[in-house]
Amino acid sequence: MKRVFLGAMIISFGAACGAEAPKKDPAAAPGAPAEAAAEAPLDPRVAKAVEVADAIASAPEDADAVLEKHGLDREKLDAMLFEIARDPALSAAYKAARGG
């Protein structure tokens, strides 16, 4: 049950980051978070979150082992994902790296 919850949490986070963005103003200046995410190197926190999410998505039954391999537990993963979700640039980078 815990594995299903963890997998569902990661999928939900990806869906939340992939929520429809507001319409962009054609006159908006470049450098919006999504554009900056595409141009900037991937933040190490985002890279780690993406690697963990991809590994868990591909083998949900091994979620605890994946977390341990990356020096995480469920609480640390939650904290990392919430930190990314609070920052628009990090969220855009996560979404782009996850193929969203």
C-alpha atoms as a PDB file:
ATOM      1  CA  MET A   1       0.000   0.000   0.000  1.00  0.00           C
ATOM      2  CA  LYS A   2       2.849   2.394   0.835  1.00  0.00           C
ATOM      3  CA  ARG A   3       4.405   1.761  -2.558  1.00  0.00           C
ATOM      4  CA  VAL A   4       1.153   2.549  -4.308  1.00  0.00           C
ATOM      5  CA  PHE A   5       0.862   5.776  -2.291  1.00  0.00           C
ATOM      6  CA  LEU A   6       4.424   6.797  -3.145  1.00  0.00           C
ATOM      7  CA  GLY A   7       3.893   6.091  -6.841  1.00  0.00           C
ATOM      8  CA  ALA A   8       0.614   7.974  -6.804  1.00  0.00           C
ATOM      9  CA  MET A   9       2.276  10.918  -5.051  1.00  0.00           C
ATOM     10  CA  ILE A  10       4.997  11.166  -7.699  1.00  0.00           C
ATOM     11  CA  ILE A  11       2.479  10.911 -10.518  1.00  0.00           C
ATOM     12  CA  SER A  12       0.284  13.537  -8.835  1.00  0.00           C
ATOM     13  CA  PHE A  13       3.239  15.881  -8.449  1.00  0.00           C
ATOM     14  CA  GLY A  14       4.054  15.472 -12.127  1.00  0.00           C
ATOM     15  CA  ALA A  15       0.462  16.179 -13.038  1.00  0.00           C
ATOM     16  CA  ALA A  16       0.411  19.250 -10.809  1.00  0.00           C
ATOM     17  CA  CYS A  17       3.545  20.574 -12.444  1.00  0.00           C
ATOM     18  CA  GLY A  18       1.977  19.857 -15.785  1.00  0.00           C
ATOM     19  CA  ALA A  19      -1.209  21.734 -15.054  1.00  0.00           C
ATOM     20  CA  GLU A  20      -2.278  24.054 -17.798  1.00  0.00           C
ATOM     21  CA  ALA A  21      -0.327  27.270 -17.587  1.00  0.00           C
ATOM     22  CA  PRO A  22      -2.005  30.625 -17.997  1.00  0.00           C
ATOM     23  CA  LYS A  23      -2.018  32.052 -21.498  1.00  0.00           C
ATOM     24  CA  LYS A  24       1.177  33.918 -22.258  1.00  0.00           C
ATOM     25  CA  ASP A  25       1.136  37.535 -23.262  1.00  0.00           C
ATOM     26  CA  PRO A  26       2.831  37.838 -26.681  1.00  0.00           C
ATOM     27  CA  ALA A  27       4.471  41.041 -25.469  1.00  0.00           C
ATOM     28  CA  ALA A  28       5.904  39.336 -22.368  1.00  0.00           C
ATOM     29  CA  ALA A  29       9.628  39.674 -21.962  1.00  0.00           C
ATOM     30  CA  PRO A  30      11.798  36.603 -22.464  1.00  0.00           C
ATOM     31  CA  GLY A  31      13.149  34.953 -19.364  1.00  0.00           C
ATOM     32  CA  ALA A  32       9.915  33.535 -17.986  1.00  0.00           C
ATOM     33  CA  PRO A  33      10.469  30.533 -15.694  1.00  0.00           C
ATOM     34  CA  ALA A  34       9.645  27.964 -18.397  1.00  0.00           C
ATOM     35  CA  GLU A  35      12.017  29.607 -20.875  1.00  0.00           C
ATOM     36  CA  ALA A  36      14.734  29.953 -18.260  1.00  0.00           C
ATOM     37  CA  ALA A  37      14.335  26.280 -17.358  1.00  0.00           C
ATOM     38  CA  ALA A  38      14.825  25.248 -20.967  1.00  0.00           C
ATOM     39  CA  GLU A  39      17.977  27.328 -21.305  1.00  0.00           C
ATOM     40  CA  ALA A  40      19.640  26.834 -17.905  1.00  0.00           C
ATOM     41  CA  PRO A  41      21.477  23.722 -16.770  1.00  0.00           C
ATOM     42  CA  LEU A  42      19.317  21.439 -14.653  1.00  0.00           C
ATOM     43  CA  ASP A  43      19.348  22.292 -10.950  1.00  0.00           C
ATOM     44  CA  PRO A  44      20.850  19.383  -8.960  1.00  0.00           C
ATOM     45  CA  ARG A  45      17.688  19.123  -6.822  1.00  0.00           C
ATOM     46  CA  VAL A  46      15.564  18.815  -9.943  1.00  0.00           C
ATOM     47  CA  ALA A  47      17.964  16.327 -11.517  1.00  0.00           C
ATOM     48  CA  LYS A  48      17.795  14.141  -8.411  1.00  0.00           C
ATOM     49  CA  ALA A  49      13.992  14.387  -8.211  1.00  0.00           C
ATOM     50  CA  VAL A  50      13.640  13.464 -11.872  1.00  0.00           C
ATOM     51  CA  GLU A  51      16.029  10.529 -11.543  1.00  0.00           C
ATOM     52  CA  VAL A  52      14.160   9.217  -8.497  1.00  0.00           C
ATOM     53  CA  ALA A  53      10.728   9.758 -10.084  1.00  0.00           C
ATOM     54  CA  ASP A  54      11.759   8.003 -13.292  1.00  0.00           C
ATOM     55  CA  ALA A  55      13.202   5.061 -11.361  1.00  0.00           C
ATOM     56  CA  ILE A  56      10.113   4.706  -9.178  1.00  0.00           C
ATOM     57  CA  ALA A  57       7.765   5.061 -12.151  1.00  0.00           C
ATOM     58  CA  SER A  58       9.590   2.274 -13.973  1.00  0.00           C
ATOM     59  CA  ALA A  59       9.616  -0.075 -10.954  1.00  0.00           C
ATOM     60  CA  PRO A  60       7.121   1.011  -8.278  1.00  0.00           C
ATOM     61  CA  GLU A  61       7.641  -2.233  -6.372  1.00  0.00           C
ATOM     62  CA  ASP A  62      11.255  -1.134  -5.729  1.00  0.00           C
ATOM     63  CA  ALA A  63      10.379   2.369  -4.491  1.00  0.00           C
ATOM     64  CA  ASP A  64      11.985   1.982  -1.074  1.00  0.00           C
ATOM     65  CA  ALA A  65      15.198   0.624  -2.580  1.00  0.00           C
ATOM     66  CA  VAL A  66      15.288   3.506  -5.083  1.00  0.00           C
ATOM     67  CA  LEU A  67      14.867   6.018  -2.282  1.00  0.00           C
ATOM     68  CA  GLU A  68      17.601   4.369  -0.216  1.00  0.00           C
ATOM     69  CA  LYS A  69      19.959   4.308  -3.204  1.00  0.00           C
ATOM     70  CA  HIS A  70      19.532   8.086  -3.521  1.00  0.00           C
ATOM     71  CA  GLY A  71      19.926   8.758   0.196  1.00  0.00           C
ATOM     72  CA  LEU A  72      16.252   9.544   0.648  1.00  0.00           C
ATOM     73  CA  ASP A  73      13.288   8.320   2.605  1.00  0.00           C
ATOM     74  CA  ARG A  74       9.645   9.178   2.024  1.00  0.00           C
ATOM     75  CA  GLU A  75       9.756  12.308   4.174  1.00  0.00           C
ATOM     76  CA  LYS A  76      12.896  13.627   2.450  1.00  0.00           C
ATOM     77  CA  LEU A  77      11.357  12.943  -0.964  1.00  0.00           C
ATOM     78  CA  ASP A  78       8.210  14.816   0.068  1.00  0.00           C
ATOM     79  CA  ALA A  79      10.287  17.772   1.263  1.00  0.00           C
ATOM     80  CA  MET A  80      12.311  17.820  -1.969  1.00  0.00           C
ATOM     81  CA  LEU A  81       9.187  17.692  -4.165  1.00  0.00           C
ATOM     82  CA  PHE A  82       7.450  20.428  -2.152  1.00  0.00           C
ATOM     83  CA  GLU A  83      10.545  22.623  -2.422  1.00  0.00           C
ATOM     84  CA  ILE A  84      10.528  22.184  -6.204  1.00  0.00           C
ATOM     85  CA  ALA A  85       6.780  22.801  -6.390  1.00  0.00           C
ATOM     86  CA  ARG A  86       7.086  26.107  -4.493  1.00  0.00           C
ATOM     87  CA  ASP A  87       9.539  27.541  -7.038  1.00  0.00           C
ATOM     88  CA  PRO A  88       8.079  28.258 -10.511  1.00  0.00           C
ATOM     89  CA  ALA A  89      11.463  27.930 -12.241  1.00  0.00           C
ATOM     90  CA  LEU A  90      12.241  24.610 -10.545  1.00  0.00           C
ATOM     91  CA  SER A  91       8.717  23.346 -11.304  1.00  0.00           C
ATOM     92  CA  ALA A  92       9.124  24.256 -14.968  1.00  0.00           C
ATOM     93  CA  ALA A  93      12.519  22.546 -15.078  1.00  0.00           C
ATOM     94  CA  TYR A  94      11.057  19.419 -13.447  1.00  0.00           C
ATOM     95  CA  LYS A  95       8.159  19.364 -15.893  1.00  0.00           C
ATOM     96  CA  ALA A  96      10.492  19.778 -18.881  1.00  0.00           C
ATOM     97  CA  ALA A  97      12.899  17.117 -17.633  1.00  0.00           C
ATOM     98  CA  ARG A  98      10.043  14.661 -17.066  1.00  0.00           C
ATOM     99  CA  GLY A  99       8.926  15.206 -20.643  1.00  0.00           C
ATOM    100  CA  GLY A 100       5.925  17.351 -19.784  1.00  0.00           C
END
